[in-house]
Amino acid sequence: MTRLSAADASFFHLENTATPMYVGSLAILRRPRNGLSYETLLATVEQRLPQIPRYRQKVREVTLGLARPVWVDDPDFDITYHVRRSALPSPGSDAQLHDLIARLGSRPLDRSRPLWEMYLIEGLARNRLALYTKSHQALVNGMSAVEIGHVIADRTAKPPEFGEDIWIPAREPTDRQLVLGAIGEWLTRPAEQFGALRSAVTDIASNAGRLAQVGYRVVDVARTVARGTAPSSPLNKTVSRNRRFTVASGRLDDYRLVRNRYDCDVNDVVLAVIAGALRNWLLSRGEPVTATSTIRAMAPMSVYPDADLETAGPGQAVSEVTPFLIDLPVGEGNPVVRLSQIAHATETASTLRSRVDARTIVTLSGFAPPTLHAMGIRVATTFPPRQFNLLITNVPGAQKQMYIAGAKLLESYAVPPLLHNQALAIGVTSYNGMVYYGINADREAMSDVEEMPVLLRESLEELLDAAR
């Protein structure tokens, strides 16, 4: 039995039916010659569960809220409840797949069970399969628990051998035991219990024995508040329970070409492409756009202290995710000037290196982006949603072929959650020479989200034309 950290508890309690606090990922797989059966996937997941023991635990709340909830082994753990299968009417289109992801993503997780689900989706056209996973934000802290998509990916088509897993769940505590444990902690560690009641923003949090420095967090919050509230935007509406999901992709070499031409980072190019797409989206809706118009994004940055962002892969580095607020210059009509303004802003911010409770280890063999996206979301939720208009997570993945249960991983998309009163969230993943955008939106506030892939492509083309 382990008590949830202050941050994990806040994620657990902040969730509501309109904004489920999960981190999702969508993997597109090539169907192997012999197929990928549900039973094979089930066996693969079962073999990896010892690496992520929290995926067999559930949350138990303490009576009267006397203490934070606890993680306990689920004595009735049933992997077939969590790993499910679905199918599109063959030959299923990408649009049908995206509609299914939007529906699955809008459903809250069952709080009486371990807080994750995985769907094997069959029937996709062109001999492909899809694998959709979602894990509660409280579940993935980057240290004691990584995202399940992180550990089921392999570097070769033949999965490594795993020893036999003999798991015997610990006896589940009774309500009385939970209350007595909470009272005992109040008596023996009263200061800690008072601290647990403070805001997760100003609390001193710990990951695997590492204390985050509260001074950094206070400075981060003060800096954010000093920036004021985000500009008024049609992206900030009351969020409904329903979603729309779509994707976009592009060649990483195109982003590198622009980077080399203008001496900036690939991350700068990604943000400039998104800024251009948002500008044209606003104009298409007849929204007022002036020369000084901006959209403020929370764009957490994945930092590899000892490796190149583009080449870092599993087993190479320790990553830290840092918060970063940037005003995207959507009022600027010149794409090169937009890129220059963004590059200047990120260059200035890169010297700050402020840390929040977002350290994550990627030395574990596997596919790190799902975990890093989760850490970016954790960073964003420590800041008031009114301080930014949308969330953009951008993380590097392995630049070589990966496999899941023997099937080639063709494409990898993040499915980021929507935050309070924010109608759009974008997750960007670079993998195997490509850049993949996962675009999640509120169905009612952003009914035209299907335009975003075209707008992103046009925005990139503007930069490429200027760079050539």
Protein backbone atom coordinates (compact mmCIF):
# COMPACT_ATOMS: atom_id res chain seq x y z
CA MET A 1 0.00 0.00 0.00
CA THR A 2 1.45 3.35 -1.08
CA ARG A 3 -0.10 6.75 -0.57
CA LEU A 4 -0.57 8.92 -3.66
CA SER A 5 1.76 11.89 -3.86
CA ALA A 6 0.23 15.34 -3.57
CA ALA A 7 0.51 15.81 -7.33
CA ASP A 8 -1.04 12.41 -8.13
CA ALA A 9 -3.87 13.03 -5.69
CA SER A 10 -4.60 16.40 -7.31
CA PHE A 11 -4.87 14.75 -10.75
CA PHE A 12 -7.18 12.12 -9.29
CA HIS A 13 -9.49 14.70 -7.71
CA LEU A 14 -9.43 17.35 -10.45
CA GLU A 15 -10.99 15.05 -13.00
CA ASN A 16 -14.61 15.50 -14.04
CA THR A 17 -16.81 14.06 -16.76
CA ALA A 18 -15.99 16.87 -19.20
CA THR A 19 -12.22 16.75 -18.71
CA PRO A 20 -11.06 13.18 -17.95
CA MET A 21 -7.43 13.32 -16.81
CA TYR A 22 -5.84 10.67 -18.97
CA VAL A 23 -2.86 10.52 -21.29
CA GLY A 24 -3.57 8.68 -24.53
CA SER A 25 -1.53 7.34 -27.41
CA LEU A 26 -2.41 5.88 -30.79
CA ALA A 27 -0.02 3.48 -32.53
CA ILE A 28 -0.53 2.42 -36.14
CA LEU A 29 0.94 -1.03 -36.78
CA ARG A 30 1.68 -3.09 -39.87
CA ARG A 31 -0.14 -6.39 -39.59
CA PRO A 32 2.48 -9.16 -39.47
CA ARG A 33 2.37 -11.90 -42.07
CA ASN A 34 0.84 -14.25 -39.51
CA GLY A 35 -1.40 -11.56 -38.09
CA LEU A 36 -1.48 -10.09 -34.60
CA SER A 37 -4.00 -11.89 -32.48
CA TYR A 38 -5.64 -10.52 -29.38
CA GLU A 39 -4.08 -13.38 -27.42
CA THR A 40 -0.58 -12.43 -28.58
CA LEU A 41 -1.08 -8.83 -27.51
CA LEU A 42 -2.51 -9.99 -24.19
CA ALA A 43 0.55 -12.16 -23.57
CA THR A 44 2.90 -9.29 -24.48
CA VAL A 45 1.22 -6.93 -22.04
CA GLU A 46 1.19 -9.55 -19.28
CA GLN A 47 4.94 -10.10 -19.71
CA ARG A 48 5.66 -6.39 -19.26
CA LEU A 49 3.41 -5.72 -16.25
CA PRO A 50 6.21 -6.48 -13.73
CA GLN A 51 8.01 -3.40 -15.12
CA ILE A 52 4.97 -1.23 -14.32
CA PRO A 53 3.49 -2.76 -11.14
CA ARG A 54 1.14 0.17 -10.60
CA TYR A 55 -0.88 -1.02 -13.62
CA ARG A 56 -2.15 -3.83 -11.37
CA GLN A 57 -3.10 -1.46 -8.57
CA LYS A 58 -6.21 0.60 -7.97
CA VAL A 59 -6.91 3.73 -5.94
CA ARG A 60 -8.67 3.52 -2.59
CA GLU A 61 -9.90 6.72 -0.97
CA VAL A 62 -9.78 7.28 2.78
CA THR A 63 -13.02 7.91 4.65
CA LEU A 64 -13.77 11.60 5.21
CA GLY A 65 -10.65 12.52 3.23
CA LEU A 66 -8.47 12.15 6.33
CA ALA A 67 -5.46 11.52 4.11
CA ARG A 68 -4.58 11.24 0.47
CA PRO A 69 -5.83 8.09 -1.31
CA VAL A 70 -3.61 5.02 -1.53
CA TRP A 71 -2.49 2.62 -4.24
CA VAL A 72 -3.43 -0.97 -3.37
CA ASP A 73 -3.11 -4.23 -5.29
CA ASP A 74 -6.30 -5.15 -7.10
CA PRO A 75 -7.15 -8.67 -5.88
CA ASP A 76 -9.64 -9.04 -8.74
CA PHE A 77 -7.26 -7.80 -11.45
CA ASP A 78 -8.50 -9.02 -14.83
CA ILE A 79 -6.23 -8.14 -17.73
CA THR A 80 -8.95 -8.94 -20.25
CA TYR A 81 -10.96 -6.04 -18.82
CA HIS A 82 -8.14 -3.63 -19.53
CA VAL A 83 -6.88 -5.02 -22.86
CA ARG A 84 -9.85 -4.96 -25.19
CA ARG A 85 -10.48 -5.48 -28.87
CA SER A 86 -12.52 -3.43 -31.28
CA ALA A 87 -12.96 -3.35 -35.05
CA LEU A 88 -13.83 -0.98 -37.83
CA PRO A 89 -16.11 -2.06 -40.68
CA SER A 90 -13.50 -3.38 -43.13
CA PRO A 91 -11.84 -1.68 -44.93
CA GLY A 92 -11.83 0.89 -42.16
CA SER A 93 -10.73 4.41 -43.06
CA ASP A 94 -8.51 6.72 -41.04
CA ALA A 95 -11.50 9.02 -40.50
CA GLN A 96 -13.47 6.15 -38.97
CA LEU A 97 -10.52 5.32 -36.74
CA HIS A 98 -10.26 8.92 -35.56
CA ASP A 99 -13.98 9.00 -34.76
CA LEU A 100 -13.54 5.85 -32.67
CA ILE A 101 -10.57 7.34 -30.80
CA ALA A 102 -12.61 10.47 -30.07
CA ARG A 103 -15.41 8.37 -28.58
CA LEU A 104 -13.09 6.17 -26.54
CA GLY A 105 -11.16 9.18 -25.31
CA SER A 106 -14.27 10.92 -24.03
CA ARG A 107 -15.12 8.08 -21.66
CA PRO A 108 -13.85 8.33 -18.07
CA LEU A 109 -11.87 5.40 -16.70
CA ASP A 110 -13.44 3.05 -14.18
CA ARG A 111 -12.18 4.27 -10.79
CA SER A 112 -12.93 0.95 -9.10
CA ARG A 113 -10.20 -0.73 -11.15
CA PRO A 114 -6.61 0.02 -12.22
CA LEU A 115 -6.78 3.28 -14.18
CA TRP A 116 -5.89 2.24 -17.73
CA GLU A 117 -7.30 0.71 -20.90
CA MET A 118 -5.86 -0.60 -24.16
CA TYR A 119 -7.73 -1.32 -27.39
CA LEU A 120 -6.57 -3.48 -30.29
CA ILE A 121 -8.46 -2.05 -33.27
CA GLU A 122 -8.76 -4.30 -36.30
CA GLY A 123 -10.23 -3.76 -39.77
CA LEU A 124 -8.06 -0.77 -40.69
CA ALA A 125 -7.39 -0.45 -44.44
CA ARG A 126 -4.01 -1.15 -46.09
CA ASN A 127 -3.16 -4.14 -43.91
CA ARG A 128 -2.85 -2.09 -40.74
CA LEU A 129 -3.88 -2.36 -37.11
CA ALA A 130 -4.25 0.33 -34.47
CA LEU A 131 -3.46 0.21 -30.79
CA TYR A 132 -5.03 2.86 -28.57
CA THR A 133 -4.06 3.19 -24.91
CA LYS A 134 -5.11 5.60 -22.22
CA SER A 135 -3.80 5.83 -18.69
CA HIS A 136 -4.95 8.12 -15.92
CA GLN A 137 -2.67 11.08 -15.32
CA ALA A 138 -2.34 10.10 -11.66
CA LEU A 139 -0.91 6.75 -12.77
CA VAL A 140 2.07 7.98 -14.81
CA ASN A 141 4.62 9.97 -12.82
CA GLY A 142 7.68 9.09 -14.90
CA MET A 143 9.62 7.47 -12.08
CA SER A 144 7.71 4.77 -10.22
CA ALA A 145 5.32 4.40 -13.16
CA VAL A 146 5.85 4.98 -16.86
CA GLU A 147 3.16 4.81 -19.54
CA ILE A 148 2.36 1.30 -20.70
CA GLY A 149 3.15 2.14 -24.32
CA HIS A 150 6.70 2.81 -23.13
CA VAL A 151 7.36 -0.78 -22.09
CA ILE A 152 5.54 -2.83 -24.73
CA ALA A 153 7.68 -1.48 -27.61
CA ASP A 154 10.76 -3.41 -28.76
CA ARG A 155 13.73 -2.65 -30.98
CA THR A 156 13.41 -5.91 -32.91
CA ALA A 157 10.53 -7.89 -34.37
CA LYS A 158 11.34 -10.74 -32.00
CA PRO A 159 10.42 -9.70 -28.45
CA PRO A 160 13.01 -10.43 -25.75
CA GLU A 161 12.53 -13.30 -23.34
CA PHE A 162 10.94 -12.50 -20.00
CA GLY A 163 11.01 -14.65 -16.90
CA GLU A 164 7.90 -16.17 -15.44
CA ASP A 165 5.80 -13.67 -13.56
CA ILE A 166 4.26 -14.98 -10.37
CA TRP A 167 2.18 -12.13 -8.97
CA ILE A 168 0.29 -12.56 -5.71
CA PRO A 169 -1.70 -9.44 -4.79
CA ALA A 170 -1.33 -8.15 -1.28
CA ARG A 171 -4.44 -8.30 0.87
CA GLU A 172 -6.61 -5.24 0.30
CA PRO A 173 -6.91 -3.03 3.41
CA THR A 174 -10.31 -2.47 4.99
CA ASP A 175 -11.83 0.98 5.40
CA ARG A 176 -11.02 0.77 9.11
CA GLN A 177 -7.36 0.03 8.39
CA LEU A 178 -7.17 2.99 6.01
CA VAL A 179 -8.63 5.32 8.63
CA LEU A 180 -6.31 4.02 11.36
CA GLY A 181 -3.35 4.44 9.02
CA ALA A 182 -4.36 8.03 8.29
CA ILE A 183 -4.78 8.80 12.01
CA GLY A 184 -1.40 7.22 12.71
CA GLU A 185 0.26 9.44 10.14
CA TRP A 186 -1.39 12.52 11.63
CA LEU A 187 0.00 11.58 15.03
CA THR A 188 3.51 10.68 13.92
CA ARG A 189 4.01 13.11 11.02
CA PRO A 190 1.59 16.04 11.49
CA ALA A 191 3.72 18.48 9.53
CA GLU A 192 3.72 16.15 6.53
CA GLN A 193 -0.05 15.76 6.71
CA PHE A 194 -0.57 19.52 6.83
CA GLY A 195 1.75 19.80 3.87
CA ALA A 196 -0.31 17.26 1.96
CA LEU A 197 -3.26 19.62 2.12
CA ARG A 198 -1.42 22.43 0.37
CA SER A 199 -1.72 23.16 -3.32
CA ALA A 200 0.26 20.87 -5.61
CA VAL A 201 1.71 24.04 -7.14
CA THR A 202 3.48 25.17 -3.99
CA ASP A 203 3.93 21.83 -2.29
CA ILE A 204 7.32 20.17 -2.02
CA ALA A 205 6.84 17.03 -4.12
CA SER A 206 8.97 13.94 -4.32
CA ASN A 207 9.62 11.39 -7.06
CA ALA A 208 11.47 8.28 -5.94
CA GLY A 209 13.19 10.16 -3.13
CA ARG A 210 14.09 13.25 -5.24
CA LEU A 211 12.74 16.46 -3.66
CA ALA A 212 11.71 19.16 -6.09
CA GLN A 213 12.95 22.54 -4.91
CA VAL A 214 9.98 24.61 -3.86
CA GLY A 215 11.82 27.81 -4.71
CA TYR A 216 11.86 26.88 -8.39
CA ARG A 217 8.14 26.22 -8.35
CA VAL A 218 7.33 29.52 -6.65
CA VAL A 219 9.46 31.34 -9.21
CA ASP A 220 7.67 29.51 -12.04
CA VAL A 221 4.26 30.44 -10.70
CA ALA A 222 5.30 34.05 -10.07
CA ARG A 223 6.69 34.32 -13.58
CA THR A 224 3.48 32.91 -15.02
CA VAL A 225 1.23 35.22 -13.03
CA ALA A 226 3.39 38.17 -14.06
CA ARG A 227 2.61 37.32 -17.67
CA GLY A 228 -1.07 37.87 -16.94
CA THR A 229 -3.97 35.88 -18.28
CA ALA A 230 -3.85 34.52 -21.80
CA PRO A 231 -5.29 36.55 -24.69
CA SER A 232 -8.97 36.11 -25.49
CA SER A 233 -9.35 33.27 -27.98
CA PRO A 234 -12.06 31.05 -29.49
CA LEU A 235 -9.94 28.17 -28.20
CA ASN A 236 -11.12 28.92 -24.67
CA LYS A 237 -14.69 27.73 -24.33
CA THR A 238 -16.63 25.58 -21.92
CA VAL A 239 -15.61 22.04 -22.79
CA SER A 240 -18.29 19.43 -23.47
CA ARG A 241 -18.02 15.68 -22.90
CA ASN A 242 -17.50 14.96 -26.59
CA ARG A 243 -14.32 15.07 -28.64
CA ARG A 244 -12.99 15.23 -32.17
CA PHE A 245 -9.61 13.74 -33.01
CA THR A 246 -7.48 14.03 -36.12
CA VAL A 247 -3.83 13.65 -37.08
CA ALA A 248 -1.19 15.16 -39.34
CA SER A 249 2.30 14.09 -40.31
CA GLY A 250 5.37 15.32 -42.17
CA ARG A 251 8.94 14.36 -42.95
CA LEU A 252 11.45 15.20 -40.23
CA ASP A 253 13.96 16.13 -42.94
CA ASP A 254 11.69 19.01 -43.99
CA TYR A 255 11.79 20.40 -40.45
CA ARG A 256 15.57 19.94 -40.36
CA LEU A 257 15.92 21.79 -43.65
CA VAL A 258 14.15 24.82 -42.18
CA ARG A 259 16.15 24.48 -38.97
CA ASN A 260 19.47 24.48 -40.83
CA ARG A 261 18.47 27.39 -43.04
CA TYR A 262 17.48 29.65 -40.15
CA ASP A 263 19.81 28.34 -37.42
CA CYS A 264 17.15 27.35 -34.91
CA ASP A 265 15.81 24.16 -33.32
CA VAL A 266 13.37 21.64 -34.76
CA ASN A 267 11.10 22.49 -31.82
CA ASP A 268 11.06 26.11 -33.01
CA VAL A 269 10.01 24.98 -36.49
CA VAL A 270 7.21 22.84 -35.03
CA LEU A 271 5.87 25.78 -33.01
CA ALA A 272 6.12 28.07 -36.04
CA VAL A 273 4.17 25.56 -38.15
CA ILE A 274 1.46 25.38 -35.49
CA ALA A 275 1.38 29.20 -35.23
CA GLY A 276 0.88 29.50 -38.99
CA ALA A 277 -1.87 26.90 -38.97
CA LEU A 278 -3.67 28.63 -36.09
CA ARG A 279 -3.40 31.97 -37.87
CA ASN A 280 -5.10 30.61 -40.98
CA TRP A 281 -7.67 28.79 -38.85
CA LEU A 282 -8.62 32.06 -37.15
CA LEU A 283 -8.85 33.83 -40.51
CA SER A 284 -11.03 31.04 -41.95
CA ARG A 285 -13.49 31.57 -39.09
CA GLY A 286 -13.60 35.33 -39.60
CA GLU A 287 -11.96 36.00 -36.24
CA PRO A 288 -10.26 39.40 -35.82
CA VAL A 289 -6.51 39.02 -36.34
CA THR A 290 -4.27 42.07 -35.95
CA ALA A 291 -0.53 42.42 -36.41
CA THR A 292 -0.02 41.95 -32.65
CA SER A 293 -2.42 39.03 -32.14
CA THR A 294 -1.00 36.10 -30.21
CA ILE A 295 -2.11 32.73 -28.87
CA ARG A 296 -0.33 31.65 -25.72
CA ALA A 297 0.74 28.03 -25.60
CA MET A 298 2.05 25.95 -22.75
CA ALA A 299 4.75 23.98 -24.56
CA PRO A 300 6.68 21.87 -22.01
CA MET A 301 10.18 21.08 -23.23
CA SER A 302 11.85 17.66 -22.96
CA VAL A 303 15.50 18.19 -22.02
CA TYR A 304 18.17 15.55 -22.51
CA PRO A 305 21.23 16.83 -20.65
CA ASP A 306 23.66 14.45 -22.35
CA ALA A 307 22.13 13.75 -25.73
CA ASP A 308 20.85 15.32 -28.92
CA LEU A 309 17.06 15.78 -28.81
CA GLU A 310 16.64 14.32 -32.28
CA THR A 311 18.78 11.23 -31.84
CA ALA A 312 18.13 10.39 -28.20
CA GLY A 313 16.38 7.10 -27.82
CA PRO A 314 15.58 4.65 -25.05
CA GLY A 315 18.55 3.74 -22.92
CA GLN A 316 20.52 6.89 -23.80
CA ALA A 317 19.64 9.64 -21.38
CA VAL A 318 17.79 10.99 -18.41
CA SER A 319 15.19 13.52 -19.48
CA GLU A 320 13.61 16.37 -17.59
CA VAL A 321 10.47 18.13 -18.74
CA THR A 322 10.46 21.87 -18.12
CA PRO A 323 7.53 24.31 -18.33
CA PHE A 324 7.55 26.89 -21.08
CA LEU A 325 4.97 29.53 -21.96
CA ILE A 326 5.21 31.06 -25.41
CA ASP A 327 3.08 33.62 -27.19
CA LEU A 328 2.66 32.31 -30.73
CA PRO A 329 2.65 35.34 -33.10
CA VAL A 330 -0.46 34.43 -35.11
CA GLY A 331 -0.86 38.05 -36.19
CA GLU A 332 2.44 37.98 -38.10
CA GLY A 333 1.86 37.23 -41.78
CA ASN A 334 5.47 36.47 -42.70
CA PRO A 335 6.31 32.83 -41.83
CA VAL A 336 10.04 33.54 -41.47
CA VAL A 337 9.41 36.39 -39.05
CA ARG A 338 7.08 34.13 -37.04
CA LEU A 339 9.86 31.53 -36.83
CA SER A 340 12.42 34.17 -35.84
CA GLN A 341 10.22 35.47 -33.02
CA ILE A 342 9.59 31.97 -31.70
CA ALA A 343 13.28 30.99 -31.92
CA HIS A 344 14.24 34.11 -29.96
CA ALA A 345 11.69 33.30 -27.25
CA THR A 346 12.82 29.68 -26.87
CA GLU A 347 16.51 30.66 -26.87
CA THR A 348 15.87 33.05 -23.99
CA ALA A 349 13.86 30.47 -22.07
CA SER A 350 16.46 27.73 -22.52
CA THR A 351 18.76 29.46 -20.02
CA LEU A 352 16.17 29.39 -17.24
CA ARG A 353 16.15 25.61 -16.71
CA SER A 354 13.50 25.84 -14.02
CA ARG A 355 12.40 22.42 -12.82
CA VAL A 356 9.07 21.21 -11.57
CA ASP A 357 8.04 17.77 -10.40
CA ALA A 358 8.56 16.34 -13.85
CA ARG A 359 11.74 14.31 -13.88
CA THR A 360 11.47 11.07 -15.82
CA ILE A 361 13.90 8.29 -16.57
CA VAL A 362 14.03 7.04 -20.16
CA THR A 363 16.89 4.60 -19.69
CA LEU A 364 14.30 1.84 -19.50
CA SER A 365 14.26 0.00 -22.81
CA GLY A 366 11.17 0.84 -24.81
CA PHE A 367 9.51 3.80 -26.49
CA ALA A 368 9.75 6.93 -24.34
CA PRO A 369 7.34 9.41 -26.05
CA PRO A 370 4.14 8.23 -24.29
CA THR A 371 5.78 8.79 -20.91
CA LEU A 372 7.29 12.14 -21.93
CA HIS A 373 3.93 13.38 -23.23
CA ALA A 374 2.44 12.41 -19.86
CA MET A 375 5.14 14.39 -18.07
CA GLY A 376 4.47 17.42 -20.26
CA ILE A 377 0.81 17.27 -19.30
CA ARG A 378 1.78 17.07 -15.62
CA VAL A 379 3.80 20.26 -16.05
CA ALA A 380 0.91 22.07 -17.74
CA THR A 381 -1.60 21.17 -15.05
CA THR A 382 0.53 22.79 -12.34
CA PHE A 383 -0.32 26.17 -13.91
CA PRO A 384 -3.75 27.86 -14.00
CA PRO A 385 -5.46 27.08 -17.35
CA ARG A 386 -6.38 30.75 -17.74
CA GLN A 387 -2.67 31.53 -18.16
CA PHE A 388 -2.51 29.86 -21.58
CA ASN A 389 -4.84 29.11 -24.50
CA LEU A 390 -3.76 25.60 -25.43
CA LEU A 391 -1.34 22.82 -24.57
CA ILE A 392 1.35 21.65 -27.02
CA THR A 393 3.56 18.72 -26.05
CA ASN A 394 6.47 17.94 -28.36
CA VAL A 395 8.81 15.03 -27.58
CA PRO A 396 11.47 13.11 -29.53
CA GLY A 397 11.16 9.43 -30.28
CA ALA A 398 13.56 6.80 -31.56
CA GLN A 399 14.77 7.50 -35.09
CA LYS A 400 14.69 3.84 -36.06
CA GLN A 401 12.11 1.13 -36.55
CA MET A 402 10.30 -0.08 -33.41
CA TYR A 403 7.94 -3.03 -32.93
CA ILE A 404 5.01 -3.93 -30.71
CA ALA A 405 4.22 -7.62 -30.22
CA GLY A 406 6.24 -8.38 -33.37
CA ALA A 407 4.33 -5.85 -35.50
CA LYS A 408 6.06 -2.85 -37.09
CA LEU A 409 5.23 0.45 -35.43
CA LEU A 410 4.42 2.63 -38.45
CA GLU A 411 3.11 5.82 -36.81
CA SER A 412 2.85 7.15 -33.27
CA TYR A 413 0.38 9.84 -32.17
CA ALA A 414 -0.22 11.38 -28.77
CA VAL A 415 -3.84 11.88 -27.71
CA PRO A 416 -3.49 14.67 -25.12
CA PRO A 417 -6.41 15.49 -22.82
CA LEU A 418 -8.26 18.78 -22.91
CA LEU A 419 -7.75 21.01 -19.90
CA HIS A 420 -10.41 23.14 -18.26
CA ASN A 421 -12.04 25.53 -20.77
CA GLN A 422 -9.47 24.67 -23.45
CA ALA A 423 -10.92 23.34 -26.70
CA LEU A 424 -7.67 22.18 -28.31
CA ALA A 425 -4.58 20.19 -27.35
CA ILE A 426 -1.79 19.08 -29.67
CA GLY A 427 0.79 16.34 -29.09
CA VAL A 428 3.78 16.14 -31.45
CA THR A 429 6.03 13.09 -31.72
CA SER A 430 9.07 12.59 -33.93
CA TYR A 431 9.68 8.95 -34.82
CA ASN A 432 11.68 7.11 -37.48
CA GLY A 433 12.17 10.10 -39.75
CA MET A 434 8.66 11.51 -39.41
CA VAL A 435 6.83 14.10 -37.31
CA TYR A 436 3.37 13.07 -36.11
CA TYR A 437 0.70 15.45 -34.77
CA GLY A 438 -2.11 14.16 -32.56
CA ILE A 439 -4.86 16.81 -32.45
CA ASN A 440 -7.59 16.50 -29.82
CA ALA A 441 -10.44 19.02 -29.73
CA ASP A 442 -13.82 19.65 -28.19
CA ARG A 443 -16.52 18.47 -30.58
CA GLU A 444 -18.72 21.53 -30.13
CA ALA A 445 -16.22 24.36 -29.65
CA MET A 446 -13.96 23.25 -32.50
CA SER A 447 -16.15 21.38 -34.95
CA ASP A 448 -13.81 22.28 -37.83
CA VAL A 449 -10.72 20.59 -36.37
CA GLU A 450 -10.53 18.41 -39.50
CA GLU A 451 -9.09 21.46 -41.26
CA MET A 452 -5.99 21.46 -39.07
CA PRO A 453 -3.98 18.78 -40.97
CA VAL A 454 -4.29 20.76 -44.21
CA LEU A 455 -3.45 24.02 -42.43
CA LEU A 456 -0.38 22.47 -40.79
CA ARG A 457 0.84 21.17 -44.13
CA GLU A 458 0.33 24.57 -45.78
CA SER A 459 2.14 26.30 -42.92
CA LEU A 460 5.14 23.99 -43.30
CA GLU A 461 5.16 24.55 -47.06
CA GLU A 462 5.36 28.30 -46.49
CA LEU A 463 8.54 27.83 -44.46
CA LEU A 464 10.00 25.34 -46.94
CA ASP A 465 9.38 27.69 -49.86
CA ALA A 466 11.15 30.47 -47.98
CA ALA A 467 14.07 28.22 -47.00
CA ARG A 468 14.79 26.85 -50.48
